[in-house]
Amino acid sequence: QVQLVETGGGLVQPGGSLRLSCAASGRTFSNNPMGWFRQAAGKGRDFVATISWSGGRTDYADSVKGRFTISRDNAKNTIYLQMNSLKPEDTAVYFCAASDRGLSYLPRSIGTYDYWGQGTQVTVSS
């Protein structure tokens, strides 16, 4: 059974940092692009960041560019999201996802991801 499990969420003050992790089990995703999405209360799920299988290419939503960094450790079958300079508008449930389509580009669309984690809550508030 394939599972993606996110950890690292929590409550942080504006301007603070958090590091999310997403550990995969049941199969390896070392040849797959993976990504992070988020969903604020009452809103749709939005793209945050994606990373190529090697980690050599990344892509970010404009709203997080320069503040968030996505990375991966294929030996651990894990991806990370380092979030700095957090803002209240970053408050959301954060989901990791893996794409299994053999795409040559870095996917941003929800529909191009095949496996999803259960999400971890990030709350930015003073």
PDB file of N, CA and C in Angstrom:
ATOM      1  N   GLN A   1       0.847  -1.197   0.000  1.00  0.00           N
ATOM      2  CA  GLN A   1       0.000   0.000   0.000  1.00  0.00           C
ATOM      3  C   GLN A   1       0.879   1.243   0.000  1.00  0.00           C
ATOM      4  N   VAL A   2       0.640   2.118  -0.966  1.00  0.00           N
ATOM      5  CA  VAL A   2       1.428   3.339  -1.071  1.00  0.00           C
ATOM      6  C   VAL A   2       0.884   4.377  -0.108  1.00  0.00           C
ATOM      7  N   GLN A   3       1.794   4.982   0.649  1.00  0.00           N
ATOM      8  CA  GLN A   3       1.394   6.035   1.579  1.00  0.00           C
ATOM      9  C   GLN A   3       2.358   7.197   1.509  1.00  0.00           C
ATOM     10  N   LEU A   4       1.809   8.397   1.588  1.00  0.00           N
ATOM     11  CA  LEU A   4       2.589   9.621   1.768  1.00  0.00           C
ATOM     12  C   LEU A   4       2.146  10.219   3.086  1.00  0.00           C
ATOM     13  N   VAL A   5       3.093  10.474   3.976  1.00  0.00           N
ATOM     14  CA  VAL A   5       2.759  10.975   5.305  1.00  0.00           C
ATOM     15  C   VAL A   5       3.509  12.276   5.562  1.00  0.00           C
ATOM     16  N   GLU A   6       2.744  13.343   5.745  1.00  0.00           N
ATOM     17  CA  GLU A   6       3.329  14.661   6.030  1.00  0.00           C
ATOM     18  C   GLU A   6       3.461  14.860   7.532  1.00  0.00           C
ATOM     19  N   THR A   7       4.543  15.491   7.925  1.00  0.00           N
ATOM     20  CA  THR A   7       4.765  15.877   9.314  1.00  0.00           C
ATOM     21  C   THR A   7       5.418  17.256   9.341  1.00  0.00           C
ATOM     22  N   GLY A   8       5.403  17.878  10.528  1.00  0.00           N
ATOM     23  CA  GLY A   8       6.102  19.140  10.696  1.00  0.00           C
ATOM     24  C   GLY A   8       5.220  20.365  10.792  1.00  0.00           C
ATOM     25  N   GLY A   9       3.923  20.200  10.611  1.00  0.00           N
ATOM     26  CA  GLY A   9       3.032  21.341  10.725  1.00  0.00           C
ATOM     27  C   GLY A   9       2.901  21.807  12.167  1.00  0.00           C
ATOM     28  N   GLY A  10       2.244  22.953  12.329  1.00  0.00           N
ATOM     29  CA  GLY A  10       2.039  23.478  13.673  1.00  0.00           C
ATOM     30  C   GLY A  10       1.677  24.940  13.655  1.00  0.00           C
ATOM     31  N   LEU A  11       1.741  25.553  14.836  1.00  0.00           N
ATOM     32  CA  LEU A  11       1.439  26.969  15.004  1.00  0.00           C
ATOM     33  C   LEU A  11       2.741  27.751  15.062  1.00  0.00           C
ATOM     34  N   VAL A  12       2.843  28.805  14.278  1.00  0.00           N
ATOM     35  CA  VAL A  12       4.048  29.627  14.250  1.00  0.00           C
ATOM     36  C   VAL A  12       3.640  31.089  14.129  1.00  0.00           C
ATOM     37  N   GLN A  13       4.457  31.968  14.681  1.00  0.00           N
ATOM     38  CA  GLN A  13       4.181  33.401  14.596  1.00  0.00           C
ATOM     39  C   GLN A  13       4.561  33.935  13.221  1.00  0.00           C
ATOM     40  N   PRO A  14       3.940  35.020  12.803  1.00  0.00           N
ATOM     41  CA  PRO A  14       4.345  35.650  11.539  1.00  0.00           C
ATOM     42  C   PRO A  14       5.836  35.960  11.540  1.00  0.00           C
ATOM     43  N   GLY A  15       6.474  35.673  10.415  1.00  0.00           N
ATOM     44  CA  GLY A  15       7.914  35.855  10.307  1.00  0.00           C
ATOM     45  C   GLY A  15       8.713  34.625  10.693  1.00  0.00           C
ATOM     46  N   GLY A  16       8.051  33.638  11.252  1.00  0.00           N
ATOM     47  CA  GLY A  16       8.730  32.424  11.685  1.00  0.00           C
ATOM     48  C   GLY A  16       8.942  31.423  10.566  1.00  0.00           C
ATOM     49  N   SER A  17       9.480  30.260  10.936  1.00  0.00           N
ATOM     50  CA  SER A  17       9.809  29.214   9.968  1.00  0.00           C
ATOM     51  C   SER A  17       9.266  27.866  10.425  1.00  0.00           C
ATOM     52  N   LEU A  18       9.003  27.027   9.453  1.00  0.00           N
ATOM     53  CA  LEU A  18       8.642  25.636   9.685  1.00  0.00           C
ATOM     54  C   LEU A  18       9.248  24.806   8.569  1.00  0.00           C
ATOM     55  N   ARG A  19       9.514  23.536   8.864  1.00  0.00           N
ATOM     56  CA  ARG A  19       9.986  22.600   7.853  1.00  0.00           C
ATOM     57  C   ARG A  19       9.042  21.409   7.826  1.00  0.00           C
ATOM     58  N   LEU A  20       8.396  21.229   6.696  1.00  0.00           N
ATOM     59  CA  LEU A  20       7.518  20.083   6.499  1.00  0.00           C
ATOM     60  C   LEU A  20       8.291  18.941   5.859  1.00  0.00           C
ATOM     61  N   SER A  21       7.935  17.722   6.233  1.00  0.00           N
ATOM     62  CA  SER A  21       8.492  16.522   5.618  1.00  0.00           C
ATOM     63  C   SER A  21       7.360  15.668   5.071  1.00  0.00           C
ATOM     64  N   CYS A  22       7.668  14.918   4.030  1.00  0.00           N
ATOM     65  CA  CYS A  22       6.711  13.984   3.455  1.00  0.00           C
ATOM     66  C   CYS A  22       7.459  12.694   3.157  1.00  0.00           C
ATOM     67  N   ALA A  23       7.143  11.663   3.920  1.00  0.00           N
ATOM     68  CA  ALA A  23       7.800  10.367   3.757  1.00  0.00           C
ATOM     69  C   ALA A  23       6.898   9.423   2.992  1.00  0.00           C
ATOM     70  N   ALA A  24       7.459   8.807   1.968  1.00  0.00           N
ATOM     71  CA  ALA A  24       6.703   7.850   1.158  1.00  0.00           C
ATOM     72  C   ALA A  24       7.049   6.429   1.563  1.00  0.00           C
ATOM     73  N   SER A  25       6.052   5.556   1.488  1.00  0.00           N
ATOM     74  CA  SER A  25       6.277   4.142   1.757  1.00  0.00           C
ATOM     75  C   SER A  25       5.436   3.325   0.801  1.00  0.00           C
ATOM     76  N   GLY A  26       5.789   2.082   0.628  1.00  0.00           N
ATOM     77  CA  GLY A  26       5.042   1.205  -0.255  1.00  0.00           C
ATOM     78  C   GLY A  26       5.625   1.121  -1.655  1.00  0.00           C
ATOM     79  N   ARG A  27       6.364   2.129  -2.069  1.00  0.00           N
ATOM     80  CA  ARG A  27       7.087   2.143  -3.330  1.00  0.00           C
ATOM     81  C   ARG A  27       8.045   3.317  -3.307  1.00  0.00           C
ATOM     82  N   THR A  28       8.972   3.311  -4.233  1.00  0.00           N
ATOM     83  CA  THR A  28       9.905   4.415  -4.338  1.00  0.00           C
ATOM     84  C   THR A  28       9.391   5.439  -5.340  1.00  0.00           C
ATOM     85  N   PHE A  29       9.645   6.713  -5.042  1.00  0.00           N
ATOM     86  CA  PHE A  29       9.286   7.788  -5.961  1.00  0.00           C
ATOM     87  C   PHE A  29      10.538   8.517  -6.455  1.00  0.00           C
ATOM     88  N   SER A  30      11.666   7.828  -6.427  1.00  0.00           N
ATOM     89  CA  SER A  30      12.923   8.475  -6.796  1.00  0.00           C
ATOM     90  C   SER A  30      12.983   8.863  -8.268  1.00  0.00           C
ATOM     91  N   ASN A  31      12.080   8.325  -9.092  1.00  0.00           N
ATOM     92  CA  ASN A  31      12.039   8.683 -10.517  1.00  0.00           C
ATOM     93  C   ASN A  31      10.846   9.549 -10.869  1.00  0.00           C
ATOM     94  N   ASN A  32      10.208  10.120  -9.852  1.00  0.00           N
ATOM     95  CA  ASN A  32       8.969  10.860 -10.061  1.00  0.00           C
ATOM     96  C   ASN A  32       9.072  12.283  -9.548  1.00  0.00           C
ATOM     97  N   PRO A  33       8.454  13.229 -10.268  1.00  0.00           N
ATOM     98  CA  PRO A  33       8.325  14.553  -9.683  1.00  0.00           C
ATOM     99  C   PRO A  33       7.348  14.493  -8.507  1.00  0.00           C
ATOM    100  N   MET A  34       7.609  15.295  -7.513  1.00  0.00           N
ATOM    101  CA  MET A  34       6.735  15.385  -6.351  1.00  0.00           C
ATOM    102  C   MET A  34       6.473  16.850  -6.035  1.00  0.00           C
ATOM    103  N   GLY A  35       5.417  17.101  -5.283  1.00  0.00           N
ATOM    104  CA  GLY A  35       5.053  18.484  -5.053  1.00  0.00           C
ATOM    105  C   GLY A  35       4.346  18.711  -3.734  1.00  0.00           C
ATOM    106  N   TRP A  36       4.156  19.979  -3.444  1.00  0.00           N
ATOM    107  CA  TRP A  36       3.395  20.420  -2.276  1.00  0.00           C
ATOM    108  C   TRP A  36       2.237  21.299  -2.750  1.00  0.00           C
ATOM    109  N   PHE A  37       1.088  21.092  -2.124  1.00  0.00           N
ATOM    110  CA  PHE A  37      -0.094  21.911  -2.353  1.00  0.00           C
ATOM    111  C   PHE A  37      -0.615  22.357  -0.994  1.00  0.00           C
ATOM    112  N   ARG A  38      -1.508  23.335  -0.998  1.00  0.00           N
ATOM    113  CA  ARG A  38      -2.121  23.751   0.254  1.00  0.00           C
ATOM    114  C   ARG A  38      -3.573  24.135   0.035  1.00  0.00           C
ATOM    115  N   GLN A  39      -4.333  24.006   1.102  1.00  0.00           N
ATOM    116  CA  GLN A  39      -5.760  24.316   1.036  1.00  0.00           C
ATOM    117  C   GLN A  39      -6.167  25.062   2.290  1.00  0.00           C
ATOM    118  N   ALA A  40      -6.515  26.331   2.119  1.00  0.00           N
ATOM    119  CA  ALA A  40      -7.019  27.130   3.233  1.00  0.00           C
ATOM    120  C   ALA A  40      -8.478  26.790   3.466  1.00  0.00           C
ATOM    121  N   ALA A  41      -8.949  27.082   4.654  1.00  0.00           N
ATOM    122  CA  ALA A  41     -10.319  26.773   5.023  1.00  0.00           C
ATOM    123  C   ALA A  41     -11.306  27.425   4.059  1.00  0.00           C
ATOM    124  N   GLY A  42     -12.201  26.638   3.512  1.00  0.00           N
ATOM    125  CA  GLY A  42     -13.221  27.153   2.618  1.00  0.00           C
ATOM    126  C   GLY A  42     -12.754  27.470   1.208  1.00  0.00           C
ATOM    127  N   LYS A  43     -11.517  27.093   0.878  1.00  0.00           N
ATOM    128  CA  LYS A  43     -10.964  27.396  -0.443  1.00  0.00           C
ATOM    129  C   LYS A  43     -10.494  26.126  -1.140  1.00  0.00           C
ATOM    130  N   GLY A  44     -10.128  26.261  -2.393  1.00  0.00           N
ATOM    131  CA  GLY A  44      -9.636  25.132  -3.156  1.00  0.00           C
ATOM    132  C   GLY A  44      -8.188  24.818  -2.844  1.00  0.00           C
ATOM    133  N   ARG A  45      -7.718  23.703  -3.375  1.00  0.00           N
ATOM    134  CA  ARG A  45      -6.335  23.268  -3.168  1.00  0.00           C
ATOM    135  C   ARG A  45      -5.445  23.937  -4.212  1.00  0.00           C
ATOM    136  N   ASP A  46      -4.395  24.606  -3.732  1.00  0.00           N
ATOM    137  CA  ASP A  46      -3.523  25.383  -4.605  1.00  0.00           C
ATOM    138  C   ASP A  46      -2.113  24.811  -4.668  1.00  0.00           C
ATOM    139  N   PHE A  47      -1.514  24.955  -5.820  1.00  0.00           N
ATOM    140  CA  PHE A  47      -0.121  24.557  -6.020  1.00  0.00           C
ATOM    141  C   PHE A  47       0.807  25.426  -5.186  1.00  0.00           C
ATOM    142  N   VAL A  48       1.818  24.807  -4.584  1.00  0.00           N
ATOM    143  CA  VAL A  48       2.834  25.547  -3.826  1.00  0.00           C
ATOM    144  C   VAL A  48       4.211  25.392  -4.469  1.00  0.00           C
ATOM    145  N   ALA A  49       4.638  24.133  -4.657  1.00  0.00           N
ATOM    146  CA  ALA A  49       5.985  23.895  -5.187  1.00  0.00           C
ATOM    147  C   ALA A  49       6.071  22.487  -5.745  1.00  0.00           C
ATOM    148  N   THR A  50       7.008  22.293  -6.679  1.00  0.00           N
ATOM    149  CA  THR A  50       7.244  20.967  -7.229  1.00  0.00           C
ATOM    150  C   THR A  50       8.732  20.782  -7.476  1.00  0.00           C
ATOM    151  N   ILE A  51       9.173  19.529  -7.517  1.00  0.00           N
ATOM    152  CA  ILE A  51      10.590  19.218  -7.674  1.00  0.00           C
ATOM    153  C   ILE A  51      10.730  18.014  -8.588  1.00  0.00           C
ATOM    154  N   SER A  52      11.744  18.059  -9.450  1.00  0.00           N
ATOM    155  CA  SER A  52      12.002  16.952 -10.367  1.00  0.00           C
ATOM    156  C   SER A  52      12.540  15.743  -9.621  1.00  0.00           C
ATOM    157  N   TRP A  53      12.620  14.612 -10.318  1.00  0.00           N
ATOM    158  CA  TRP A  53      13.034  13.370  -9.669  1.00  0.00           C
ATOM    159  C   TRP A  53      14.443  13.494  -9.092  1.00  0.00           C
ATOM    160  N   SER A  54      15.303  14.244  -9.752  1.00  0.00           N
ATOM    161  CA  SER A  54      16.696  14.366  -9.299  1.00  0.00           C
ATOM    162  C   SER A  54      16.878  15.479  -8.279  1.00  0.00           C
ATOM    163  N   GLY A  55      15.888  16.361  -8.193  1.00  0.00           N
ATOM    164  CA  GLY A  55      16.035  17.544  -7.353  1.00  0.00           C
ATOM    165  C   GLY A  55      16.694  18.707  -8.071  1.00  0.00           C
ATOM    166  N   GLY A  56      17.049  18.501  -9.332  1.00  0.00           N
ATOM    167  CA  GLY A  56      17.761  19.525 -10.066  1.00  0.00           C
ATOM    168  C   GLY A  56      16.894  20.659 -10.584  1.00  0.00           C
ATOM    169  N   ARG A  57      15.600  20.423 -10.663  1.00  0.00           N
ATOM    170  CA  ARG A  57      14.664  21.451 -11.120  1.00  0.00           C
ATOM    171  C   ARG A  57      13.557  21.625 -10.088  1.00  0.00           C
ATOM    172  N   THR A  58      13.194  22.882  -9.884  1.00  0.00           N
ATOM    173  CA  THR A  58      12.104  23.205  -8.967  1.00  0.00           C
ATOM    174  C   THR A  58      11.234  24.295  -9.578  1.00  0.00           C
ATOM    175  N   ASP A  59      10.028  24.405  -9.075  1.00  0.00           N
ATOM    176  CA  ASP A  59       9.107  25.439  -9.523  1.00  0.00           C
ATOM    177  C   ASP A  59       8.239  25.828  -8.326  1.00  0.00           C
ATOM    178  N   TYR A  60       7.907  27.129  -8.241  1.00  0.00           N
ATOM    179  CA  TYR A  60       7.172  27.625  -7.090  1.00  0.00           C
ATOM    180  C   TYR A  60       6.012  28.518  -7.530  1.00  0.00           C
ATOM    181  N   ALA A  61       4.987  28.534  -6.714  1.00  0.00           N
ATOM    182  CA  ALA A  61       3.944  29.531  -6.883  1.00  0.00           C
ATOM    183  C   ALA A  61       4.538  30.902  -6.574  1.00  0.00           C
ATOM    184  N   ASP A  62       4.053  31.919  -7.263  1.00  0.00           N
ATOM    185  CA  ASP A  62       4.585  33.272  -7.047  1.00  0.00           C
ATOM    186  C   ASP A  62       4.449  33.709  -5.592  1.00  0.00           C
ATOM    187  N   SER A  63       3.392  33.262  -4.942  1.00  0.00           N
ATOM    188  CA  SER A  63       3.117  33.703  -3.575  1.00  0.00           C
ATOM    189  C   SER A  63       4.145  33.206  -2.561  1.00  0.00           C
ATOM    190  N   VAL A  64       4.910  32.167  -2.913  1.00  0.00           N
ATOM    191  CA  VAL A  64       5.880  31.619  -1.961  1.00  0.00           C
ATOM    192  C   VAL A  64       7.317  31.728  -2.458  1.00  0.00           C
ATOM    193  N   LYS A  65       7.494  32.164  -3.683  1.00  0.00           N
ATOM    194  CA  LYS A  65       8.832  32.238  -4.268  1.00  0.00           C
ATOM    195  C   LYS A  65       9.721  33.142  -3.422  1.00  0.00           C
ATOM    196  N   GLY A  66      10.927  32.656  -3.128  1.00  0.00           N
ATOM    197  CA  GLY A  66      11.861  33.418  -2.310  1.00  0.00           C
ATOM    198  C   GLY A  66      11.710  33.175  -0.820  1.00  0.00           C
ATOM    199  N   ARG A  67      10.608  32.542  -0.408  1.00  0.00           N
ATOM    200  CA  ARG A  67      10.392  32.258   1.014  1.00  0.00           C
ATOM    201  C   ARG A  67      10.389  30.757   1.307  1.00  0.00           C
ATOM    202  N   PHE A  68       9.900  29.963   0.364  1.00  0.00           N
ATOM    203  CA  PHE A  68       9.814  28.511   0.540  1.00  0.00           C
ATOM    204  C   PHE A  68      10.855  27.828  -0.336  1.00  0.00           C
ATOM    205  N   THR A  69      11.360  26.690   0.161  1.00  0.00           N
ATOM    206  CA  THR A  69      12.302  25.886  -0.604  1.00  0.00           C
ATOM    207  C   THR A  69      11.896  24.426  -0.533  1.00  0.00           C
ATOM    208  N   ILE A  70      11.728  23.812  -1.706  1.00  0.00           N
ATOM    209  CA  ILE A  70      11.421  22.393  -1.774  1.00  0.00           C
ATOM    210  C   ILE A  70      12.708  21.626  -2.036  1.00  0.00           C
ATOM    211  N   SER A  71      12.839  20.465  -1.398  1.00  0.00           N
ATOM    212  CA  SER A  71      14.013  19.624  -1.606  1.00  0.00           C
ATOM    213  C   SER A  71      13.605  18.167  -1.423  1.00  0.00           C
ATOM    214  N   ARG A  72      14.514  17.267  -1.761  1.00  0.00           N
ATOM    215  CA  ARG A  72      14.199  15.855  -1.607  1.00  0.00           C
ATOM    216  C   ARG A  72      15.446  15.055  -1.282  1.00  0.00           C
ATOM    217  N   ASP A  73      15.227  13.919  -0.630  1.00  0.00           N
ATOM    218  CA  ASP A  73      16.282  12.962  -0.330  1.00  0.00           C
ATOM    219  C   ASP A  73      15.779  11.613  -0.822  1.00  0.00           C
ATOM    220  N   ASN A  74      16.214  11.214  -2.001  1.00  0.00           N
ATOM    221  CA  ASN A  74      15.696   9.985  -2.594  1.00  0.00           C
ATOM    222  C   ASN A  74      16.116   8.743  -1.804  1.00  0.00           C
ATOM    223  N   ALA A  75      17.228   8.823  -1.113  1.00  0.00           N
ATOM    224  CA  ALA A  75      17.656   7.688  -0.299  1.00  0.00           C
ATOM    225  C   ALA A  75      16.665   7.412   0.840  1.00  0.00           C
ATOM    226  N   LYS A  76      15.997   8.482   1.268  1.00  0.00           N
ATOM    227  CA  LYS A  76      15.007   8.359   2.346  1.00  0.00           C
ATOM    228  C   LYS A  76      13.578   8.362   1.815  1.00  0.00           C
ATOM    229  N   ASN A  77      13.434   8.485   0.488  1.00  0.00           N
ATOM    230  CA  ASN A  77      12.103   8.528  -0.129  1.00  0.00           C
ATOM    231  C   ASN A  77      11.253   9.634   0.509  1.00  0.00           C
ATOM    232  N   THR A  78      11.866  10.796   0.686  1.00  0.00           N
ATOM    233  CA  THR A  78      11.254  11.892   1.426  1.00  0.00           C
ATOM    234  C   THR A  78      11.475  13.213   0.698  1.00  0.00           C
ATOM    235  N   ILE A  79      10.451  14.055   0.727  1.00  0.00           N
ATOM    236  CA  ILE A  79      10.621  15.430   0.261  1.00  0.00           C
ATOM    237  C   ILE A  79      10.357  16.379   1.429  1.00  0.00           C
ATOM    238  N   TYR A  80      10.838  17.604   1.268  1.00  0.00           N
ATOM    239  CA  TYR A  80      10.744  18.601   2.332  1.00  0.00           C
ATOM    240  C   TYR A  80      10.234  19.919   1.771  1.00  0.00           C
ATOM    241  N   LEU A  81       9.692  20.731   2.658  1.00  0.00           N
ATOM    242  CA  LEU A  81       9.321  22.098   2.314  1.00  0.00           C
ATOM    243  C   LEU A  81       9.778  22.996   3.459  1.00  0.00           C
ATOM    244  N   GLN A  82      10.847  23.738   3.222  1.00  0.00           N
ATOM    245  CA  GLN A  82      11.317  24.710   4.199  1.00  0.00           C
ATOM    246  C   GLN A  82      10.556  26.008   3.971  1.00  0.00           C
ATOM    247  N   MET A  83       9.865  26.468   4.989  1.00  0.00           N
ATOM    248  CA  MET A  83       9.034  27.662   4.880  1.00  0.00           C
ATOM    249  C   MET A  83       9.576  28.731   5.817  1.00  0.00           C
ATOM    250  N   ASN A  84      10.025  29.829   5.239  1.00  0.00           N
ATOM    251  CA  ASN A  84      10.572  30.949   6.000  1.00  0.00           C
ATOM    252  C   ASN A  84       9.694  32.180   5.813  1.00  0.00           C
ATOM    253  N   SER A  85       9.883  33.155   6.682  1.00  0.00           N
ATOM    254  CA  SER A  85       9.133  34.421   6.594  1.00  0.00           C
ATOM    255  C   SER A  85       7.636  34.165   6.433  1.00  0.00           C
ATOM    256  N   LEU A  86       7.115  33.302   7.249  1.00  0.00           N
ATOM    257  CA  LEU A  86       5.714  32.900   7.124  1.00  0.00           C
ATOM    258  C   LEU A  86       4.774  34.055   7.404  1.00  0.00           C
ATOM    259  N   LYS A  87       3.658  34.053   6.674  1.00  0.00           N
ATOM    260  CA  LYS A  87       2.637  35.091   6.775  1.00  0.00           C
ATOM    261  C   LYS A  87       1.310  34.454   7.176  1.00  0.00           C
ATOM    262  N   PRO A  88       0.406  35.228   7.741  1.00  0.00           N
ATOM    263  CA  PRO A  88      -0.910  34.662   8.102  1.00  0.00           C
ATOM    264  C   PRO A  88      -1.611  34.025   6.910  1.00  0.00           C
ATOM    265  N   GLU A  89      -1.403  34.566   5.723  1.00  0.00           N
ATOM    266  CA  GLU A  89      -2.053  34.011   4.530  1.00  0.00           C
ATOM    267  C   GLU A  89      -1.450  32.679   4.091  1.00  0.00           C
ATOM    268  N   ASP A  90      -0.390  32.226   4.740  1.00  0.00           N
ATOM    269  CA  ASP A  90       0.149  30.892   4.486  1.00  0.00           C
ATOM    270  C   ASP A  90      -0.592  29.820   5.284  1.00  0.00           C
ATOM    271  N   THR A  91      -1.472  30.236   6.151  1.00  0.00           N
ATOM    272  CA  THR A  91      -2.249  29.291   6.956  1.00  0.00           C
ATOM    273  C   THR A  91      -3.092  28.397   6.060  1.00  0.00           C
ATOM    274  N   ALA A  92      -2.914  27.087   6.213  1.00  0.00           N
ATOM    275  CA  ALA A  92      -3.606  26.114   5.363  1.00  0.00           C
ATOM    276  C   ALA A  92      -3.224  24.710   5.798  1.00  0.00           C
ATOM    277  N   VAL A  93      -3.934  23.737   5.245  1.00  0.00           N
ATOM    278  CA  VAL A  93      -3.492  22.356   5.326  1.00  0.00           C
ATOM    279  C   VAL A  93      -2.564  22.116   4.140  1.00  0.00           C
ATOM    280  N   TYR A  94      -1.389  21.594   4.400  1.00  0.00           N
ATOM    281  CA  TYR A  94      -0.393  21.356   3.373  1.00  0.00           C
ATOM    282  C   TYR A  94      -0.360  19.867   3.025  1.00  0.00           C
ATOM    283  N   PHE A  95      -0.408  19.585   1.718  1.00  0.00           N
ATOM    284  CA  PHE A  95      -0.425  18.222   1.208  1.00  0.00           C
ATOM    285  C   PHE A  95       0.793  17.983   0.324  1.00  0.00           C
ATOM    286  N   CYS A  96       1.389  16.802   0.448  1.00  0.00           N
ATOM    287  CA  CYS A  96       2.389  16.415  -0.535  1.00  0.00           C
ATOM    288  C   CYS A  96       1.757  15.454  -1.531  1.00  0.00           C
ATOM    289  N   ALA A  97       2.374  15.368  -2.697  1.00  0.00           N
ATOM    290  CA  ALA A  97       1.816  14.553  -3.762  1.00  0.00           C
ATOM    291  C   ALA A  97       2.932  14.045  -4.663  1.00  0.00           C
ATOM    292  N   ALA A  98       2.659  12.932  -5.332  1.00  0.00           N
ATOM    293  CA  ALA A  98       3.614  12.352  -6.274  1.00  0.00           C
ATOM    294  C   ALA A  98       2.922  12.124  -7.610  1.00  0.00           C
ATOM    295  N   SER A  99       3.642  12.436  -8.678  1.00  0.00           N
ATOM    296  CA  SER A  99       3.111  12.244 -10.019  1.00  0.00           C
ATOM    297  C   SER A  99       3.705  10.986 -10.627  1.00  0.00           C
ATOM    298  N   ASP A 100       2.866  10.205 -11.307  1.00  0.00           N
ATOM    299  CA  ASP A 100       3.306   8.926 -11.882  1.00  0.00           C
ATOM    300  C   ASP A 100       2.990   8.871 -13.371  1.00  0.00           C
ATOM    301  N   ARG A 101       3.048  10.029 -14.049  1.00  0.00           N
ATOM    302  CA  ARG A 101       2.632  10.113 -15.457  1.00  0.00           C
ATOM    303  C   ARG A 101       3.800  10.071 -16.427  1.00  0.00           C
ATOM    304  N   GLY A 102       5.035  10.038 -15.941  1.00  0.00           N
ATOM    305  CA  GLY A 102       6.167  10.068 -16.859  1.00  0.00           C
ATOM    306  C   GLY A 102       6.296  11.389 -17.577  1.00  0.00           C
ATOM    307  N   LEU A 103       5.892  12.478 -16.917  1.00  0.00           N
ATOM    308  CA  LEU A 103       5.915  13.792 -17.550  1.00  0.00           C
ATOM    309  C   LEU A 103       7.345  14.316 -17.692  1.00  0.00           C
ATOM    310  N   SER A 104       7.565  15.070 -18.758  1.00  0.00           N
ATOM    311  CA  SER A 104       8.890  15.661 -18.979  1.00  0.00           C
ATOM    312  C   SER A 104       8.985  17.057 -18.383  1.00  0.00           C
ATOM    313  N   TYR A 105       7.854  17.571 -17.906  1.00  0.00           N
ATOM    314  CA  TYR A 105       7.858  18.902 -17.302  1.00  0.00           C
ATOM    315  C   TYR A 105       7.461  18.777 -15.833  1.00  0.00           C
ATOM    316  N   LEU A 106       7.645  19.850 -15.075  1.00  0.00           N
ATOM    317  CA  LEU A 106       7.259  19.852 -13.670  1.00  0.00           C
ATOM    318  C   LEU A 106       5.779  20.219 -13.564  1.00  0.00           C
ATOM    319  N   PRO A 107       4.967  19.310 -13.064  1.00  0.00           N
ATOM    320  CA  PRO A 107       3.524  19.558 -13.046  1.00  0.00           C
ATOM    321  C   PRO A 107       3.084  20.482 -11.920  1.00  0.00           C
ATOM    322  N   ARG A 108       2.134  21.364 -12.250  1.00  0.00           N
ATOM    323  CA  ARG A 108       1.528  22.254 -11.256  1.00  0.00           C
ATOM    324  C   ARG A 108       0.075  21.896 -10.989  1.00  0.00           C
ATOM    325  N   SER A 109      -0.529  21.168 -11.905  1.00  0.00           N
ATOM    326  CA  SER A 109      -1.958  20.893 -11.825  1.00  0.00           C
ATOM    327  C   SER A 109      -2.253  19.730 -10.885  1.00  0.00           C
ATOM    328  N   ILE A 110      -3.308  19.884 -10.097  1.00  0.00           N
ATOM    329  CA  ILE A 110      -3.732  18.814  -9.192  1.00  0.00           C
ATOM    330  C   ILE A 110      -3.976  17.530  -9.957  1.00  0.00           C
ATOM    331  N   GLY A 111      -4.553  17.632 -11.127  1.00  0.00           N
ATOM    332  CA  GLY A 111      -4.921  16.462 -11.916  1.00  0.00           C
ATOM    333  C   GLY A 111      -3.753  15.656 -12.437  1.00  0.00           C
ATOM    334  N   THR A 112      -2.546  16.180 -12.345  1.00  0.00           N
ATOM    335  CA  THR A 112      -1.367  15.462 -12.824  1.00  0.00           C
ATOM    336  C   THR A 112      -0.633  14.729 -11.719  1.00  0.00           C
ATOM    337  N   TYR A 113      -1.197  14.745 -10.518  1.00  0.00           N
ATOM    338  CA  TYR A 113      -0.629  14.014  -9.389  1.00  0.00           C
ATOM    339  C   TYR A 113      -1.516  12.825  -9.041  1.00  0.00           C
ATOM    340  N   ASP A 114      -0.864  11.715  -8.724  1.00  0.00           N
ATOM    341  CA  ASP A 114      -1.589  10.456  -8.552  1.00  0.00           C
ATOM    342  C   ASP A 114      -1.673   9.978  -7.109  1.00  0.00           C
ATOM    343  N   TYR A 115      -0.746  10.395  -6.288  1.00  0.00           N
ATOM    344  CA  TYR A 115      -0.722   9.954  -4.888  1.00  0.00           C
ATOM    345  C   TYR A 115      -0.685  11.187  -3.998  1.00  0.00           C
ATOM    346  N   TRP A 116      -1.454  11.108  -2.918  1.00  0.00           N
ATOM    347  CA  TRP A 116      -1.582  12.258  -2.022  1.00  0.00           C
ATOM    348  C   TRP A 116      -1.438  11.814  -0.573  1.00  0.00           C
ATOM    349  N   GLY A 117      -0.873  12.716   0.227  1.00  0.00           N
ATOM    350  CA  GLY A 117      -0.849  12.505   1.665  1.00  0.00           C
ATOM    351  C   GLY A 117      -2.134  13.008   2.295  1.00  0.00           C
ATOM    352  N   GLN A 118      -2.225  12.859   3.604  1.00  0.00           N
ATOM    353  CA  GLN A 118      -3.449  13.242   4.322  1.00  0.00           C
ATOM    354  C   GLN A 118      -3.432  14.704   4.752  1.00  0.00           C
ATOM    355  N   GLY A 119      -2.270  15.339   4.659  1.00  0.00           N
ATOM    356  CA  GLY A 119      -2.166  16.758   4.978  1.00  0.00           C
ATOM    357  C   GLY A 119      -1.693  17.030   6.401  1.00  0.00           C
ATOM    358  N   THR A 120      -1.079  18.192   6.571  1.00  0.00           N
ATOM    359  CA  THR A 120      -0.648  18.659   7.889  1.00  0.00           C
ATOM    360  C   THR A 120      -1.000  20.141   8.013  1.00  0.00           C
ATOM    361  N   GLN A 121      -1.547  20.520   9.157  1.00  0.00           N
ATOM    362  CA  GLN A 121      -2.025  21.889   9.358  1.00  0.00           C
ATOM    363  C   GLN A 121      -0.872  22.824   9.688  1.00  0.00           C
ATOM    364  N   VAL A 122      -0.826  23.938   8.993  1.00  0.00           N
ATOM    365  CA  VAL A 122       0.101  25.025   9.299  1.00  0.00           C
ATOM    366  C   VAL A 122      -0.726  26.256   9.624  1.00  0.00           C
ATOM    367  N   THR A 123      -0.513  26.810  10.816  1.00  0.00           N
ATOM    368  CA  THR A 123      -1.233  28.000  11.235  1.00  0.00           C
ATOM    369  C   THR A 123      -0.225  29.086  11.580  1.00  0.00           C
ATOM    370  N   VAL A 124      -0.364  30.235  10.917  1.00  0.00           N
ATOM    371  CA  VAL A 124       0.533  31.363  11.148  1.00  0.00           C
ATOM    372  C   VAL A 124      -0.285  32.455  11.820  1.00  0.00           C
ATOM    373  N   SER A 125       0.005  32.680  13.087  1.00  0.00           N
ATOM    374  CA  SER A 125      -0.788  33.630  13.863  1.00  0.00           C
ATOM    375  C   SER A 125       0.003  34.099  15.070  1.00  0.00           C
ATOM    376  N   SER A 126      -0.258  35.347  15.461  1.00  0.00           N
ATOM    377  CA  SER A 126       0.367  35.874  16.671  1.00  0.00           C
ATOM    378  C   SER A 126      -0.533  35.674  17.877  1.00  0.00           C
TER     379      SER A 126
END
